[in-house]
Amino acid sequence: MSENKKKKVTGIGGLFFKCKDPDGMKEWYSRNLGLITNEYGSLFEFRNTDRPEELNYLQWSPMKDNTAYYAPSKKKS
């Protein structure tokens, strides 16, 4: 690969966010947008652009607004 050519981003891993009612959020997205949800949220599967035989995943996860998952972040929801 040449020094000037940069690699592409192939994924971001997930979308994790705080909300007041994660179960209600999952239910709404399931009912209105057809997402298949579980206790963690929803998993999206996609193909790698450079290697189409390779599967990649993205996790969508609403979390309770008082979660300690993001600690030590002090960002408020």
PDB file of N, CA and C in Angstrom:
ATOM      1  N   MET A   1       0.852  -1.176   0.000  1.00  0.00           N
ATOM      2  CA  MET A   1       0.000   0.000   0.000  1.00  0.00           C
ATOM      3  C   MET A   1       0.896   1.236   0.000  1.00  0.00           C
ATOM      4  N   SER A   2       0.548   2.197  -0.821  1.00  0.00           N
ATOM      5  CA  SER A   2       1.345   3.413  -0.888  1.00  0.00           C
ATOM      6  C   SER A   2       1.172   4.211   0.401  1.00  0.00           C
ATOM      7  N   GLU A   3       2.142   5.073   0.681  1.00  0.00           N
ATOM      8  CA  GLU A   3       2.111   5.881   1.901  1.00  0.00           C
ATOM      9  C   GLU A   3       0.939   6.855   1.917  1.00  0.00           C
ATOM     10  N   ASN A   4       0.483   7.301   0.755  1.00  0.00           N
ATOM     11  CA  ASN A   4      -0.599   8.278   0.688  1.00  0.00           C
ATOM     12  C   ASN A   4      -1.991   7.650   0.736  1.00  0.00           C
ATOM     13  N   LYS A   5      -2.099   6.353   0.487  1.00  0.00           N
ATOM     14  CA  LYS A   5      -3.410   5.714   0.481  1.00  0.00           C
ATOM     15  C   LYS A   5      -3.794   5.289   1.893  1.00  0.00           C
ATOM     16  N   LYS A   6      -4.944   5.781   2.344  1.00  0.00           N
ATOM     17  CA  LYS A   6      -5.409   5.454   3.681  1.00  0.00           C
ATOM     18  C   LYS A   6      -6.421   4.320   3.623  1.00  0.00           C
ATOM     19  N   LYS A   7      -6.462   3.507   4.663  1.00  0.00           N
ATOM     20  CA  LYS A   7      -7.442   2.437   4.748  1.00  0.00           C
ATOM     21  C   LYS A   7      -8.802   3.017   5.097  1.00  0.00           C
ATOM     22  N   LYS A   8      -9.859   2.320   4.661  1.00  0.00           N
ATOM     23  CA  LYS A   8     -11.226   2.731   4.941  1.00  0.00           C
ATOM     24  C   LYS A   8     -11.674   2.202   6.294  1.00  0.00           C
ATOM     25  N   VAL A   9     -12.563   2.942   6.912  1.00  0.00           N
ATOM     26  CA  VAL A   9     -13.217   2.445   8.110  1.00  0.00           C
ATOM     27  C   VAL A   9     -14.209   1.386   7.661  1.00  0.00           C
ATOM     28  N   THR A  10     -14.215   0.234   8.329  1.00  0.00           N
ATOM     29  CA  THR A  10     -15.132  -0.842   7.941  1.00  0.00           C
ATOM     30  C   THR A  10     -16.300  -0.983   8.908  1.00  0.00           C
ATOM     31  N   GLY A  11     -16.249  -0.306  10.041  1.00  0.00           N
ATOM     32  CA  GLY A  11     -17.338  -0.383  10.998  1.00  0.00           C
ATOM     33  C   GLY A  11     -17.047   0.469  12.209  1.00  0.00           C
ATOM     34  N   ILE A  12     -18.070   0.666  13.030  1.00  0.00           N
ATOM     35  CA  ILE A  12     -17.862   1.468  14.236  1.00  0.00           C
ATOM     36  C   ILE A  12     -18.085   0.662  15.512  1.00  0.00           C
ATOM     37  N   GLY A  13     -18.481  -0.589  15.367  1.00  0.00           N
ATOM     38  CA  GLY A  13     -18.659  -1.441  16.530  1.00  0.00           C
ATOM     39  C   GLY A  13     -20.039  -1.354  17.147  1.00  0.00           C
ATOM     40  N   GLY A  14     -20.526  -0.152  17.375  1.00  0.00           N
ATOM     41  CA  GLY A  14     -21.847  -0.067  17.956  1.00  0.00           C
ATOM     42  C   GLY A  14     -22.312   1.344  18.232  1.00  0.00           C
ATOM     43  N   LEU A  15     -23.602   1.434  18.519  1.00  0.00           N
ATOM     44  CA  LEU A  15     -24.234   2.675  18.941  1.00  0.00           C
ATOM     45  C   LEU A  15     -24.788   2.413  20.336  1.00  0.00           C
ATOM     46  N   PHE A  16     -24.206   3.044  21.324  1.00  0.00           N
ATOM     47  CA  PHE A  16     -24.599   2.854  22.711  1.00  0.00           C
ATOM     48  C   PHE A  16     -25.025   4.212  23.248  1.00  0.00           C
ATOM     49  N   PHE A  17     -26.223   4.289  23.815  1.00  0.00           N
ATOM     50  CA  PHE A  17     -26.701   5.580  24.288  1.00  0.00           C
ATOM     51  C   PHE A  17     -27.587   5.421  25.509  1.00  0.00           C
ATOM     52  N   LYS A  18     -27.669   6.495  26.290  1.00  0.00           N
ATOM     53  CA  LYS A  18     -28.491   6.522  27.497  1.00  0.00           C
ATOM     54  C   LYS A  18     -29.890   7.018  27.164  1.00  0.00           C
ATOM     55  N   CYS A  19     -30.868   6.467  27.868  1.00  0.00           N
ATOM     56  CA  CYS A  19     -32.246   6.942  27.746  1.00  0.00           C
ATOM     57  C   CYS A  19     -33.011   6.565  29.012  1.00  0.00           C
ATOM     58  N   LYS A  20     -34.156   7.175  29.219  1.00  0.00           N
ATOM     59  CA  LYS A  20     -34.928   6.934  30.437  1.00  0.00           C
ATOM     60  C   LYS A  20     -35.554   5.545  30.471  1.00  0.00           C
ATOM     61  N   ASP A  21     -35.941   5.027  29.312  1.00  0.00           N
ATOM     62  CA  ASP A  21     -36.673   3.760  29.256  1.00  0.00           C
ATOM     63  C   ASP A  21     -36.123   2.869  28.134  1.00  0.00           C
ATOM     64  N   PRO A  22     -35.003   2.171  28.389  1.00  0.00           N
ATOM     65  CA  PRO A  22     -34.404   1.337  27.338  1.00  0.00           C
ATOM     66  C   PRO A  22     -35.349   0.250  26.814  1.00  0.00           C
ATOM     67  N   ASP A  23     -36.120  -0.369  27.701  1.00  0.00           N
ATOM     68  CA  ASP A  23     -37.036  -1.415  27.239  1.00  0.00           C
ATOM     69  C   ASP A  23     -38.122  -0.831  26.351  1.00  0.00           C
ATOM     70  N   GLY A  24     -38.648   0.334  26.714  1.00  0.00           N
ATOM     71  CA  GLY A  24     -39.637   1.014  25.878  1.00  0.00           C
ATOM     72  C   GLY A  24     -39.046   1.418  24.539  1.00  0.00           C
ATOM     73  N   MET A  25     -37.797   1.866  24.550  1.00  0.00           N
ATOM     74  CA  MET A  25     -37.103   2.252  23.311  1.00  0.00           C
ATOM     75  C   MET A  25     -36.947   1.036  22.398  1.00  0.00           C
ATOM     76  N   LYS A  26     -36.515  -0.094  22.962  1.00  0.00           N
ATOM     77  CA  LYS A  26     -36.370  -1.322  22.168  1.00  0.00           C
ATOM     78  C   LYS A  26     -37.720  -1.770  21.607  1.00  0.00           C
ATOM     79  N   GLU A  27     -38.759  -1.698  22.430  1.00  0.00           N
ATOM     80  CA  GLU A  27     -40.106  -2.071  21.990  1.00  0.00           C
ATOM     81  C   GLU A  27     -40.575  -1.180  20.841  1.00  0.00           C
ATOM     82  N   TRP A  28     -40.368   0.130  20.952  1.00  0.00           N
ATOM     83  CA  TRP A  28     -40.789   1.060  19.909  1.00  0.00           C
ATOM     84  C   TRP A  28     -40.073   0.749  18.595  1.00  0.00           C
ATOM     85  N   TYR A  29     -38.749   0.578  18.655  1.00  0.00           N
ATOM     86  CA  TYR A  29     -37.987   0.293  17.437  1.00  0.00           C
ATOM     87  C   TYR A  29     -38.375  -1.061  16.841  1.00  0.00           C
ATOM     88  N   SER A  30     -38.686  -2.018  17.692  1.00  0.00           N
ATOM     89  CA  SER A  30     -39.118  -3.324  17.218  1.00  0.00           C
ATOM     90  C   SER A  30     -40.477  -3.223  16.538  1.00  0.00           C
ATOM     91  N   ARG A  31     -41.424  -2.572  17.172  1.00  0.00           N
ATOM     92  CA  ARG A  31     -42.788  -2.452  16.654  1.00  0.00           C
ATOM     93  C   ARG A  31     -42.853  -1.572  15.399  1.00  0.00           C
ATOM     94  N   ASN A  32     -42.158  -0.450  15.415  1.00  0.00           N
ATOM     95  CA  ASN A  32     -42.287   0.528  14.327  1.00  0.00           C
ATOM     96  C   ASN A  32     -41.269   0.387  13.202  1.00  0.00           C
ATOM     97  N   LEU A  33     -40.106  -0.146  13.506  1.00  0.00           N
ATOM     98  CA  LEU A  33     -39.066  -0.253  12.475  1.00  0.00           C
ATOM     99  C   LEU A  33     -38.657  -1.696  12.181  1.00  0.00           C
ATOM    100  N   GLY A  34     -39.237  -2.646  12.925  1.00  0.00           N
ATOM    101  CA  GLY A  34     -38.966  -4.046  12.646  1.00  0.00           C
ATOM    102  C   GLY A  34     -37.646  -4.579  13.172  1.00  0.00           C
ATOM    103  N   LEU A  35     -36.977  -3.853  14.070  1.00  0.00           N
ATOM    104  CA  LEU A  35     -35.729  -4.357  14.629  1.00  0.00           C
ATOM    105  C   LEU A  35     -35.998  -5.595  15.469  1.00  0.00           C
ATOM    106  N   ILE A  36     -35.153  -6.587  15.343  1.00  0.00           N
ATOM    107  CA  ILE A  36     -35.205  -7.753  16.213  1.00  0.00           C
ATOM    108  C   ILE A  36     -34.349  -7.405  17.423  1.00  0.00           C
ATOM    109  N   THR A  37     -34.968  -7.340  18.591  1.00  0.00           N
ATOM    110  CA  THR A  37     -34.260  -6.905  19.792  1.00  0.00           C
ATOM    111  C   THR A  37     -34.166  -8.020  20.822  1.00  0.00           C
ATOM    112  N   ASN A  38     -33.188  -7.878  21.703  1.00  0.00           N
ATOM    113  CA  ASN A  38     -33.027  -8.762  22.851  1.00  0.00           C
ATOM    114  C   ASN A  38     -32.666  -7.887  24.047  1.00  0.00           C
ATOM    115  N   GLU A  39     -32.211  -8.469  25.141  1.00  0.00           N
ATOM    116  CA  GLU A  39     -31.910  -7.666  26.329  1.00  0.00           C
ATOM    117  C   GLU A  39     -30.809  -6.633  26.109  1.00  0.00           C
ATOM    118  N   TYR A  40     -29.981  -6.799  25.069  1.00  0.00           N
ATOM    119  CA  TYR A  40     -28.884  -5.875  24.791  1.00  0.00           C
ATOM    120  C   TYR A  40     -29.238  -4.811  23.761  1.00  0.00           C
ATOM    121  N   GLY A  41     -30.274  -5.023  22.994  1.00  0.00           N
ATOM    122  CA  GLY A  41     -30.643  -4.095  21.923  1.00  0.00           C
ATOM    123  C   GLY A  41     -30.864  -4.860  20.638  1.00  0.00           C
ATOM    124  N   SER A  42     -30.109  -4.519  19.598  1.00  0.00           N
ATOM    125  CA  SER A  42     -30.251  -5.173  18.301  1.00  0.00           C
ATOM    126  C   SER A  42     -28.879  -5.285  17.633  1.00  0.00           C
ATOM    127  N   LEU A  43     -28.667  -6.389  16.958  1.00  0.00           N
ATOM    128  CA  LEU A  43     -27.398  -6.627  16.278  1.00  0.00           C
ATOM    129  C   LEU A  43     -27.612  -6.519  14.775  1.00  0.00           C
ATOM    130  N   PHE A  44     -26.789  -5.697  14.113  1.00  0.00           N
ATOM    131  CA  PHE A  44     -26.862  -5.534  12.663  1.00  0.00           C
ATOM    132  C   PHE A  44     -25.670  -6.250  12.041  1.00  0.00           C
ATOM    133  N   GLU A  45     -25.946  -7.000  10.993  1.00  0.00           N
ATOM    134  CA  GLU A  45     -24.915  -7.732  10.268  1.00  0.00           C
ATOM    135  C   GLU A  45     -24.706  -7.068   8.915  1.00  0.00           C
ATOM    136  N   PHE A  46     -23.446  -6.920   8.514  1.00  0.00           N
ATOM    137  CA  PHE A  46     -23.155  -6.347   7.203  1.00  0.00           C
ATOM    138  C   PHE A  46     -21.880  -6.952   6.648  1.00  0.00           C
ATOM    139  N   ARG A  47     -21.660  -6.766   5.375  1.00  0.00           N
ATOM    140  CA  ARG A  47     -20.476  -7.305   4.682  1.00  0.00           C
ATOM    141  C   ARG A  47     -19.349  -6.282   4.655  1.00  0.00           C
ATOM    142  N   ASN A  48     -18.142  -6.775   4.769  1.00  0.00           N
ATOM    143  CA  ASN A  48     -16.955  -5.941   4.657  1.00  0.00           C
ATOM    144  C   ASN A  48     -16.794  -5.533   3.191  1.00  0.00           C
ATOM    145  N   THR A  49     -16.602  -4.237   2.944  1.00  0.00           N
ATOM    146  CA  THR A  49     -16.490  -3.730   1.569  1.00  0.00           C
ATOM    147  C   THR A  49     -15.325  -4.354   0.811  1.00  0.00           C
ATOM    148  N   ASP A  50     -14.172  -4.465   1.460  1.00  0.00           N
ATOM    149  CA  ASP A  50     -12.987  -4.984   0.781  1.00  0.00           C
ATOM    150  C   ASP A  50     -12.949  -6.503   0.735  1.00  0.00           C
ATOM    151  N   ARG A  51     -13.664  -7.159   1.645  1.00  0.00           N
ATOM    152  CA  ARG A  51     -13.708  -8.620   1.709  1.00  0.00           C
ATOM    153  C   ARG A  51     -15.175  -9.049   1.875  1.00  0.00           C
ATOM    154  N   PRO A  52     -15.958  -9.062   0.804  1.00  0.00           N
ATOM    155  CA  PRO A  52     -17.394  -9.320   0.906  1.00  0.00           C
ATOM    156  C   PRO A  52     -17.755 -10.660   1.537  1.00  0.00           C
ATOM    157  N   GLU A  53     -16.830 -11.588   1.573  1.00  0.00           N
ATOM    158  CA  GLU A  53     -17.109 -12.878   2.211  1.00  0.00           C
ATOM    159  C   GLU A  53     -17.083 -12.758   3.742  1.00  0.00           C
ATOM    160  N   GLU A  54     -16.577 -11.640   4.234  1.00  0.00           N
ATOM    161  CA  GLU A  54     -16.443 -11.417   5.686  1.00  0.00           C
ATOM    162  C   GLU A  54     -17.663 -10.678   6.246  1.00  0.00           C
ATOM    163  N   LEU A  55     -18.238 -11.225   7.287  1.00  0.00           N
ATOM    164  CA  LEU A  55     -19.348 -10.574   7.974  1.00  0.00           C
ATOM    165  C   LEU A  55     -18.818  -9.679   9.085  1.00  0.00           C
ATOM    166  N   ASN A  56     -19.429  -8.526   9.243  1.00  0.00           N
ATOM    167  CA  ASN A  56     -19.118  -7.614  10.339  1.00  0.00           C
ATOM    168  C   ASN A  56     -20.416  -7.307  11.070  1.00  0.00           C
ATOM    169  N   TYR A  57     -20.284  -6.764  12.284  1.00  0.00           N
ATOM    170  CA  TYR A  57     -21.468  -6.539  13.110  1.00  0.00           C
ATOM    171  C   TYR A  57     -21.441  -5.161  13.752  1.00  0.00           C
ATOM    172  N   LEU A  58     -22.631  -4.640  14.003  1.00  0.00           N
ATOM    173  CA  LEU A  58     -22.795  -3.384  14.713  1.00  0.00           C
ATOM    174  C   LEU A  58     -23.885  -3.610  15.769  1.00  0.00           C
ATOM    175  N   GLN A  59     -23.594  -3.237  17.003  1.00  0.00           N
ATOM    176  CA  GLN A  59     -24.546  -3.393  18.099  1.00  0.00           C
ATOM    177  C   GLN A  59     -25.244  -2.069  18.379  1.00  0.00           C
ATOM    178  N   TRP A  60     -26.577  -2.084  18.457  1.00  0.00           N
ATOM    179  CA  TRP A  60     -27.397  -0.925  18.814  1.00  0.00           C
ATOM    180  C   TRP A  60     -27.929  -1.194  20.209  1.00  0.00           C
ATOM    181  N   SER A  61     -27.558  -0.352  21.186  1.00  0.00           N
ATOM    182  CA  SER A  61     -27.926  -0.618  22.571  1.00  0.00           C
ATOM    183  C   SER A  61     -28.356   0.630  23.329  1.00  0.00           C
ATOM    184  N   PRO A  62     -29.665   0.763  23.597  1.00  0.00           N
ATOM    185  CA  PRO A  62     -30.109   1.805  24.517  1.00  0.00           C
ATOM    186  C   PRO A  62     -29.852   1.327  25.950  1.00  0.00           C
ATOM    187  N   MET A  63     -29.377   2.225  26.792  1.00  0.00           N
ATOM    188  CA  MET A  63     -29.064   1.870  28.182  1.00  0.00           C
ATOM    189  C   MET A  63     -29.745   2.831  29.135  1.00  0.00           C
ATOM    190  N   LYS A  64     -29.996   2.369  30.332  1.00  0.00           N
ATOM    191  CA  LYS A  64     -30.631   3.196  31.359  1.00  0.00           C
ATOM    192  C   LYS A  64     -29.814   4.461  31.565  1.00  0.00           C
ATOM    193  N   ASP A  65     -30.499   5.586  31.773  1.00  0.00           N
ATOM    194  CA  ASP A  65     -29.808   6.875  31.873  1.00  0.00           C
ATOM    195  C   ASP A  65     -28.871   6.989  33.073  1.00  0.00           C
ATOM    196  N   ASN A  66     -28.977   6.095  34.047  1.00  0.00           N
ATOM    197  CA  ASN A  66     -28.069   6.135  35.203  1.00  0.00           C
ATOM    198  C   ASN A  66     -27.016   5.021  35.160  1.00  0.00           C
ATOM    199  N   THR A  67     -26.800   4.433  33.984  1.00  0.00           N
ATOM    200  CA  THR A  67     -25.832   3.351  33.862  1.00  0.00           C
ATOM    201  C   THR A  67     -24.418   3.800  34.223  1.00  0.00           C
ATOM    202  N   ALA A  68     -23.645   2.880  34.775  1.00  0.00           N
ATOM    203  CA  ALA A  68     -22.229   3.142  35.067  1.00  0.00           C
ATOM    204  C   ALA A  68     -21.346   2.596  33.938  1.00  0.00           C
ATOM    205  N   TYR A  69     -21.964   2.123  32.871  1.00  0.00           N
ATOM    206  CA  TYR A  69     -21.235   1.521  31.753  1.00  0.00           C
ATOM    207  C   TYR A  69     -20.175   2.455  31.172  1.00  0.00           C
ATOM    208  N   TYR A  70     -20.457   3.745  31.152  1.00  0.00           N
ATOM    209  CA  TYR A  70     -19.547   4.716  30.543  1.00  0.00           C
ATOM    210  C   TYR A  70     -18.536   5.295  31.518  1.00  0.00           C
ATOM    211  N   ALA A  71     -18.549   4.857  32.751  1.00  0.00           N
ATOM    212  CA  ALA A  71     -17.640   5.396  33.774  1.00  0.00           C
ATOM    213  C   ALA A  71     -16.199   5.266  33.282  1.00  0.00           C
ATOM    214  N   PRO A  72     -15.414   6.261  33.484  1.00  0.00           N
ATOM    215  CA  PRO A  72     -15.566   7.398  34.384  1.00  0.00           C
ATOM    216  C   PRO A  72     -16.126   8.663  33.736  1.00  0.00           C
ATOM    217  N   SER A  73     -16.765   8.555  32.569  1.00  0.00           N
ATOM    218  CA  SER A  73     -17.319   9.741  31.905  1.00  0.00           C
ATOM    219  C   SER A  73     -18.314  10.460  32.805  1.00  0.00           C
ATOM    220  N   LYS A  74     -18.293  11.775  32.782  1.00  0.00           N
ATOM    221  CA  LYS A  74     -19.204  12.607  33.587  1.00  0.00           C
ATOM    222  C   LYS A  74     -20.292  13.223  32.726  1.00  0.00           C
ATOM    223  N   LYS A  75     -20.363  12.843  31.436  1.00  0.00           N
ATOM    224  CA  LYS A  75     -21.354  13.397  30.516  1.00  0.00           C
ATOM    225  C   LYS A  75     -22.757  13.037  30.991  1.00  0.00           C
ATOM    226  N   LYS A  76     -23.630  14.043  31.041  1.00  0.00           N
ATOM    227  CA  LYS A  76     -25.024  13.821  31.435  1.00  0.00           C
ATOM    228  C   LYS A  76     -25.847  13.469  30.214  1.00  0.00           C
ATOM    229  N   SER A  77     -26.917  12.720  30.421  1.00  0.00           N
ATOM    230  CA  SER A  77     -27.779  12.341  29.284  1.00  0.00           C
ATOM    231  C   SER A  77     -28.766  13.440  28.987  1.00  0.00           C
TER     232      SER A  77
END
